[in-house]
Amino acid sequence: MRASTDAPAATHPQRTCIGCRQTAARSEMLRLVKDLDDAARVVVDPRRRLPGRGAWLHPDWACLKQALRRRAFQRAFRGAVDHRPVEDYFGTSVPAPAGTDDDLPEVHVESGSEI
């Protein structure tokens, strides 16, 4: 009996997100590494070329928050690390969930003042 002539589908390298624990293509995720100058600090490696132990995270606030809650940074980098540069990469404030404008101040367009 002959083997199937179908060629296997091209596979992309898969990585696991330290936040949600889902696998995805490497191209869809951010690589995180320990900083070369300060080994206690974790930074984003946008070019995916820095040396050292890496961890992967979806570029999504939900995954970042889940990684922080689960203490995944300490586990992935085998010790206590400063993850603030990763938070800064995402921005300084956590976006509010959709539909919850109750906490935002009301701004009058014509004056620009807040109530």
N, C-alpha and C. Protein backbone atom coordinates (compact mmCIF):
# COMPACT_ATOMS: atom_id res chain seq x y z
N MET A 1 0.84 -1.16 0.00
CA MET A 1 0.00 0.00 0.00
C MET A 1 0.89 1.24 0.00
N ARG A 2 0.50 2.22 -0.80
CA ARG A 2 1.26 3.46 -0.92
C ARG A 2 0.84 4.48 0.13
N ALA A 3 1.81 5.26 0.54
CA ALA A 3 1.52 6.33 1.50
C ALA A 3 0.79 7.46 0.78
N SER A 4 0.13 8.26 1.53
CA SER A 4 -0.60 9.40 0.97
C SER A 4 0.36 10.36 0.30
N THR A 5 -0.07 10.93 -0.83
CA THR A 5 0.78 11.86 -1.56
C THR A 5 0.58 13.30 -1.10
N ASP A 6 -0.36 13.51 -0.17
CA ASP A 6 -0.58 14.86 0.34
C ASP A 6 0.62 15.29 1.17
N ALA A 7 1.16 16.45 0.83
CA ALA A 7 2.28 16.99 1.61
C ALA A 7 1.72 17.56 2.91
N PRO A 8 2.47 17.44 4.00
CA PRO A 8 1.98 18.00 5.26
C PRO A 8 1.88 19.52 5.16
N ALA A 9 0.90 20.05 5.84
CA ALA A 9 0.70 21.50 5.82
C ALA A 9 1.92 22.18 6.44
N ALA A 10 2.27 23.33 5.90
CA ALA A 10 3.39 24.08 6.45
C ALA A 10 3.05 24.50 7.88
N THR A 11 3.93 24.17 8.80
CA THR A 11 3.67 24.52 10.19
C THR A 11 4.56 25.67 10.60
N HIS A 12 4.02 26.52 11.42
CA HIS A 12 4.77 27.64 11.97
C HIS A 12 5.16 27.29 13.39
N PRO A 13 6.31 27.76 13.84
CA PRO A 13 6.71 27.46 15.21
C PRO A 13 5.64 27.93 16.19
N GLN A 14 5.29 27.08 17.12
CA GLN A 14 4.26 27.37 18.11
C GLN A 14 4.91 27.72 19.44
N ARG A 15 4.32 28.66 20.15
CA ARG A 15 4.78 29.05 21.48
C ARG A 15 3.57 29.12 22.40
N THR A 16 3.81 28.99 23.70
CA THR A 16 2.75 29.04 24.68
C THR A 16 2.79 30.36 25.42
N CYS A 17 1.67 31.03 25.51
CA CYS A 17 1.54 32.30 26.22
C CYS A 17 1.63 32.04 27.72
N ILE A 18 2.46 32.83 28.43
CA ILE A 18 2.58 32.64 29.87
C ILE A 18 1.34 33.15 30.61
N GLY A 19 0.49 33.91 29.93
CA GLY A 19 -0.73 34.43 30.56
C GLY A 19 -1.88 33.46 30.45
N CYS A 20 -2.33 33.23 29.24
CA CYS A 20 -3.53 32.40 29.03
C CYS A 20 -3.21 30.92 28.82
N ARG A 21 -1.94 30.58 28.63
CA ARG A 21 -1.48 29.21 28.42
C ARG A 21 -1.97 28.60 27.11
N GLN A 22 -2.40 29.43 26.16
CA GLN A 22 -2.81 28.96 24.84
C GLN A 22 -1.60 28.99 23.91
N THR A 23 -1.55 28.08 22.96
CA THR A 23 -0.46 28.09 21.99
C THR A 23 -0.88 28.89 20.77
N ALA A 24 0.10 29.53 20.17
CA ALA A 24 -0.14 30.32 18.96
C ALA A 24 1.17 30.39 18.18
N ALA A 25 1.07 30.86 16.96
CA ALA A 25 2.26 31.01 16.14
C ALA A 25 3.19 32.03 16.77
N ARG A 26 4.47 31.77 16.66
CA ARG A 26 5.49 32.66 17.23
C ARG A 26 5.33 34.09 16.72
N SER A 27 4.91 34.23 15.46
CA SER A 27 4.76 35.55 14.85
C SER A 27 3.63 36.37 15.47
N GLU A 28 2.71 35.73 16.19
CA GLU A 28 1.58 36.41 16.79
C GLU A 28 1.84 36.84 18.23
N MET A 29 3.02 36.53 18.76
CA MET A 29 3.28 36.76 20.18
C MET A 29 4.48 37.67 20.40
N LEU A 30 4.56 38.21 21.61
CA LEU A 30 5.70 39.02 22.02
C LEU A 30 6.69 38.15 22.76
N ARG A 31 7.97 38.33 22.45
CA ARG A 31 9.00 37.59 23.18
C ARG A 31 9.49 38.49 24.30
N LEU A 32 9.61 37.92 25.48
CA LEU A 32 10.09 38.63 26.65
C LEU A 32 11.41 38.00 27.07
N VAL A 33 12.38 38.83 27.44
CA VAL A 33 13.69 38.32 27.90
C VAL A 33 14.16 39.17 29.07
N LYS A 34 15.12 38.63 29.81
CA LYS A 34 15.76 39.41 30.86
C LYS A 34 16.64 40.46 30.20
N ASP A 35 16.64 41.65 30.77
CA ASP A 35 17.43 42.76 30.25
C ASP A 35 18.92 42.42 30.36
N LEU A 36 19.69 42.77 29.34
CA LEU A 36 21.13 42.49 29.35
C LEU A 36 21.85 43.31 30.41
N ASP A 37 21.39 44.55 30.66
CA ASP A 37 22.05 45.42 31.63
C ASP A 37 21.61 45.15 33.06
N ASP A 38 20.38 44.73 33.24
CA ASP A 38 19.83 44.48 34.57
C ASP A 38 19.08 43.15 34.54
N ALA A 39 19.70 42.10 35.01
CA ALA A 39 19.14 40.75 34.91
C ALA A 39 17.86 40.57 35.71
N ALA A 40 17.55 41.50 36.60
CA ALA A 40 16.32 41.39 37.39
C ALA A 40 15.14 42.02 36.68
N ARG A 41 15.34 42.54 35.47
CA ARG A 41 14.31 43.24 34.74
C ARG A 41 13.96 42.50 33.46
N VAL A 42 12.67 42.41 33.15
CA VAL A 42 12.21 41.75 31.93
C VAL A 42 11.79 42.82 30.93
N VAL A 43 12.22 42.66 29.68
CA VAL A 43 11.88 43.61 28.62
C VAL A 43 11.27 42.87 27.44
N VAL A 44 10.58 43.62 26.58
CA VAL A 44 10.02 43.07 25.36
C VAL A 44 11.11 43.05 24.30
N ASP A 45 11.20 41.95 23.58
CA ASP A 45 12.19 41.78 22.51
C ASP A 45 11.43 41.79 21.18
N PRO A 46 11.16 42.99 20.61
CA PRO A 46 10.32 43.05 19.42
C PRO A 46 10.93 42.36 18.20
N ARG A 47 12.25 42.32 18.11
CA ARG A 47 12.89 41.67 16.96
C ARG A 47 13.14 40.18 17.19
N ARG A 48 12.91 39.72 18.42
CA ARG A 48 13.10 38.31 18.79
C ARG A 48 14.53 37.84 18.56
N ARG A 49 15.50 38.69 18.91
CA ARG A 49 16.90 38.36 18.66
C ARG A 49 17.79 38.44 19.89
N LEU A 50 17.29 38.97 21.01
CA LEU A 50 18.14 39.12 22.18
C LEU A 50 18.49 37.75 22.76
N PRO A 51 19.70 37.62 23.29
CA PRO A 51 20.10 36.33 23.88
C PRO A 51 19.43 36.11 25.23
N GLY A 52 19.38 34.88 25.63
CA GLY A 52 18.89 34.55 26.96
C GLY A 52 17.56 33.82 26.94
N ARG A 53 17.16 33.46 28.14
CA ARG A 53 15.91 32.72 28.31
C ARG A 53 14.75 33.63 27.95
N GLY A 54 13.86 33.12 27.15
CA GLY A 54 12.72 33.91 26.71
C GLY A 54 11.41 33.32 27.18
N ALA A 55 10.40 34.16 27.21
CA ALA A 55 9.03 33.73 27.50
C ALA A 55 8.16 34.44 26.47
N TRP A 56 6.97 33.92 26.26
CA TRP A 56 6.10 34.44 25.20
C TRP A 56 4.77 34.88 25.79
N LEU A 57 4.23 35.98 25.23
CA LEU A 57 2.99 36.55 25.73
C LEU A 57 2.21 37.12 24.56
N HIS A 58 0.90 36.87 24.55
CA HIS A 58 0.06 37.51 23.54
C HIS A 58 0.09 39.02 23.75
N PRO A 59 0.04 39.82 22.71
CA PRO A 59 0.02 41.28 22.87
C PRO A 59 -1.38 41.75 23.26
N ASP A 60 -1.84 41.31 24.41
CA ASP A 60 -3.20 41.55 24.86
C ASP A 60 -3.17 41.83 26.37
N TRP A 61 -3.90 42.88 26.80
CA TRP A 61 -3.96 43.22 28.21
C TRP A 61 -4.47 42.07 29.05
N ALA A 62 -5.43 41.33 28.55
CA ALA A 62 -6.01 40.23 29.33
C ALA A 62 -4.94 39.19 29.66
N CYS A 63 -4.09 38.89 28.71
CA CYS A 63 -3.03 37.91 28.94
C CYS A 63 -1.99 38.46 29.92
N LEU A 64 -1.67 39.74 29.80
CA LEU A 64 -0.72 40.34 30.73
C LEU A 64 -1.26 40.30 32.15
N LYS A 65 -2.52 40.70 32.33
CA LYS A 65 -3.12 40.68 33.66
C LYS A 65 -3.16 39.26 34.22
N GLN A 66 -3.47 38.30 33.38
CA GLN A 66 -3.52 36.92 33.84
C GLN A 66 -2.13 36.43 34.23
N ALA A 67 -1.11 36.81 33.47
CA ALA A 67 0.27 36.41 33.79
C ALA A 67 0.70 37.02 35.12
N LEU A 68 0.32 38.27 35.36
CA LEU A 68 0.67 38.91 36.63
C LEU A 68 -0.06 38.23 37.78
N ARG A 69 -1.32 37.93 37.61
CA ARG A 69 -2.11 37.29 38.66
C ARG A 69 -1.58 35.89 38.99
N ARG A 70 -1.14 35.18 37.97
CA ARG A 70 -0.66 33.81 38.16
C ARG A 70 0.82 33.75 38.55
N ARG A 71 1.48 34.91 38.61
CA ARG A 71 2.92 34.99 38.90
C ARG A 71 3.73 34.22 37.88
N ALA A 72 3.31 34.31 36.64
CA ALA A 72 3.95 33.56 35.56
C ALA A 72 5.32 34.10 35.20
N PHE A 73 5.56 35.40 35.43
CA PHE A 73 6.88 35.96 35.13
C PHE A 73 7.95 35.30 36.00
N GLN A 74 7.68 35.17 37.29
CA GLN A 74 8.64 34.55 38.19
C GLN A 74 8.89 33.10 37.82
N ARG A 75 7.85 32.41 37.42
CA ARG A 75 7.98 31.01 37.04
C ARG A 75 8.76 30.86 35.72
N ALA A 76 8.44 31.69 34.76
CA ALA A 76 9.07 31.58 33.44
C ALA A 76 10.56 31.94 33.50
N PHE A 77 10.90 32.92 34.34
CA PHE A 77 12.29 33.36 34.40
C PHE A 77 13.03 32.82 35.62
N ARG A 78 12.39 31.87 36.30
CA ARG A 78 13.02 31.14 37.40
C ARG A 78 13.55 32.06 38.49
N GLY A 79 12.70 32.96 38.95
CA GLY A 79 13.07 33.86 40.04
C GLY A 79 12.32 35.17 39.95
N ALA A 80 12.53 36.00 40.96
CA ALA A 80 11.85 37.30 41.00
C ALA A 80 12.41 38.22 39.93
N VAL A 81 11.52 38.87 39.19
CA VAL A 81 11.92 39.80 38.13
C VAL A 81 11.03 41.03 38.18
N ASP A 82 11.52 42.12 37.62
CA ASP A 82 10.76 43.36 37.51
C ASP A 82 10.07 43.35 36.14
N HIS A 83 8.76 43.30 36.14
CA HIS A 83 8.00 43.21 34.89
C HIS A 83 7.41 44.55 34.47
N ARG A 84 7.77 45.65 35.15
CA ARG A 84 7.21 46.97 34.81
C ARG A 84 7.52 47.41 33.38
N PRO A 85 8.72 47.11 32.83
CA PRO A 85 8.94 47.50 31.43
C PRO A 85 7.95 46.85 30.46
N VAL A 86 7.49 45.65 30.77
CA VAL A 86 6.49 44.99 29.92
C VAL A 86 5.16 45.72 30.06
N GLU A 87 4.80 46.09 31.28
CA GLU A 87 3.57 46.86 31.49
C GLU A 87 3.65 48.20 30.76
N ASP A 88 4.82 48.85 30.80
CA ASP A 88 5.00 50.11 30.10
C ASP A 88 4.86 49.94 28.59
N TYR A 89 5.29 48.80 28.07
CA TYR A 89 5.15 48.52 26.65
C TYR A 89 3.67 48.51 26.24
N PHE A 90 2.83 47.98 27.12
CA PHE A 90 1.40 47.93 26.85
C PHE A 90 0.73 49.27 27.09
N GLY A 91 1.34 50.16 27.82
CA GLY A 91 0.76 51.44 28.17
C GLY A 91 0.71 51.58 29.67
N THR A 92 0.42 52.77 30.14
CA THR A 92 0.49 53.01 31.57
C THR A 92 -0.77 52.65 32.33
N SER A 93 -1.90 52.53 31.67
CA SER A 93 -3.12 52.21 32.40
C SER A 93 -3.86 51.06 31.74
N VAL A 94 -4.51 50.30 32.57
CA VAL A 94 -5.31 49.18 32.09
C VAL A 94 -6.58 49.72 31.47
N PRO A 95 -6.89 49.35 30.22
CA PRO A 95 -8.11 49.85 29.61
C PRO A 95 -9.36 49.30 30.30
N ALA A 96 -10.38 50.13 30.39
CA ALA A 96 -11.62 49.71 31.01
C ALA A 96 -12.35 48.75 30.08
N PRO A 97 -13.03 47.75 30.64
CA PRO A 97 -13.82 46.84 29.80
C PRO A 97 -14.88 47.61 29.02
N ALA A 98 -15.25 47.10 27.87
CA ALA A 98 -16.24 47.77 27.01
C ALA A 98 -17.57 47.90 27.74
N GLY A 99 -18.18 49.08 27.58
CA GLY A 99 -19.50 49.30 28.16
C GLY A 99 -19.49 49.79 29.59
N THR A 100 -18.31 50.09 30.15
CA THR A 100 -18.26 50.57 31.53
C THR A 100 -17.73 52.00 31.55
N ASP A 101 -18.50 52.93 31.03
CA ASP A 101 -18.12 54.32 31.01
C ASP A 101 -18.53 55.05 32.28
N ASP A 102 -19.04 54.34 33.29
CA ASP A 102 -19.53 54.96 34.51
C ASP A 102 -18.42 55.65 35.29
N ASP A 103 -17.19 55.13 35.23
CA ASP A 103 -16.09 55.68 36.02
C ASP A 103 -15.39 56.85 35.34
N LEU A 104 -15.68 57.10 34.07
CA LEU A 104 -15.01 58.16 33.35
C LEU A 104 -15.69 59.49 33.59
N PRO A 105 -14.90 60.58 33.75
CA PRO A 105 -15.53 61.88 33.95
C PRO A 105 -16.18 62.37 32.66
N GLU A 106 -17.23 63.15 32.83
CA GLU A 106 -17.92 63.70 31.67
C GLU A 106 -17.18 64.95 31.19
N VAL A 107 -16.93 65.04 29.90
CA VAL A 107 -16.20 66.17 29.33
C VAL A 107 -17.12 66.89 28.36
N HIS A 108 -17.22 68.21 28.53
CA HIS A 108 -18.00 69.03 27.60
C HIS A 108 -17.09 69.42 26.46
N VAL A 109 -17.47 69.08 25.26
CA VAL A 109 -16.64 69.31 24.09
C VAL A 109 -16.35 70.78 23.86
N GLU A 110 -17.36 71.63 24.06
CA GLU A 110 -17.17 73.03 23.77
C GLU A 110 -16.22 73.72 24.74
N SER A 111 -16.16 73.27 25.99
CA SER A 111 -15.30 73.95 26.95
C SER A 111 -14.05 73.14 27.28
N GLY A 112 -14.14 71.83 27.13
CA GLY A 112 -13.01 70.98 27.48
C GLY A 112 -12.86 70.77 28.97
N SER A 113 -13.82 71.27 29.75
CA SER A 113 -13.72 71.13 31.21
C SER A 113 -14.42 69.85 31.65
N GLU A 114 -13.99 69.35 32.77
CA GLU A 114 -14.59 68.15 33.33
C GLU A 114 -15.59 68.55 34.41
N ILE A 115 -16.62 67.76 34.57
CA ILE A 115 -17.64 68.02 35.61
C ILE A 115 -17.24 67.29 36.85
